[in-house]
Amino acid sequence: MVGAIILRHLLSVKILTIYFNFIILEQIQFHNDSKLTYFLYMMGRAT
């Protein structure tokens, strides 16, 4: 009984960790994409 509760808790923590990591990675990726877009935009203006 207690083992099942602990197992379920660990599973939910693992899912939350993966979920938050995914969100953070998405934010970083979006930030990098916007920087790249801005860089290409500035290069386009320079030429």
Protein backbone atom coordinates (compact mmCIF):
# COMPACT_ATOMS: atom_id res chain seq x y z
CA MET A 1 0.00 0.00 0.00
CA VAL A 2 2.66 2.50 1.09
CA GLY A 3 4.95 1.31 -1.70
CA ALA A 4 2.28 2.05 -4.29
CA ILE A 5 1.78 5.58 -2.92
CA ILE A 6 5.54 6.26 -2.97
CA LEU A 7 5.81 4.82 -6.49
CA ARG A 8 2.93 7.00 -7.70
CA HIS A 9 4.51 10.05 -6.07
CA LEU A 10 7.90 9.36 -7.69
CA LEU A 11 6.21 8.86 -11.07
CA SER A 12 4.33 12.17 -10.81
CA VAL A 13 7.53 13.98 -9.77
CA LYS A 14 9.36 12.44 -12.74
CA ILE A 15 6.59 13.53 -15.13
CA LEU A 16 6.60 17.06 -13.67
CA THR A 17 10.39 17.26 -13.98
CA ILE A 18 10.26 16.18 -17.64
CA TYR A 19 7.41 18.64 -18.25
CA PHE A 20 9.26 21.57 -16.69
CA ASN A 21 12.50 20.68 -18.49
CA PHE A 22 10.56 20.63 -21.75
CA ILE A 23 9.09 24.08 -21.04
CA ILE A 24 12.53 25.50 -20.13
CA LEU A 25 14.10 23.99 -23.26
CA GLU A 26 11.28 25.43 -25.38
CA GLN A 27 11.88 28.89 -23.86
CA ILE A 28 15.64 28.69 -24.53
CA GLN A 29 15.02 27.45 -28.08
CA PHE A 30 12.54 30.27 -28.74
CA HIS A 31 15.01 32.81 -27.35
CA ASN A 32 17.78 31.47 -29.61
CA ASP A 33 15.45 31.51 -32.62
CA SER A 34 14.48 35.14 -31.97
CA LYS A 35 18.16 36.12 -31.63
CA LEU A 36 18.95 34.35 -34.90
CA THR A 37 16.00 36.05 -36.62
CA TYR A 38 17.14 39.44 -35.31
CA PHE A 39 20.73 38.76 -36.45
CA LEU A 40 19.57 37.79 -39.95
CA TYR A 41 17.33 40.88 -40.03
CA MET A 42 20.28 43.15 -39.11
CA MET A 43 22.51 41.44 -41.69
CA GLY A 44 19.79 41.99 -44.28
CA ARG A 45 19.64 45.70 -43.44
CA ALA A 46 23.44 46.06 -43.50
CA THR A 47 23.75 44.78 -47.07
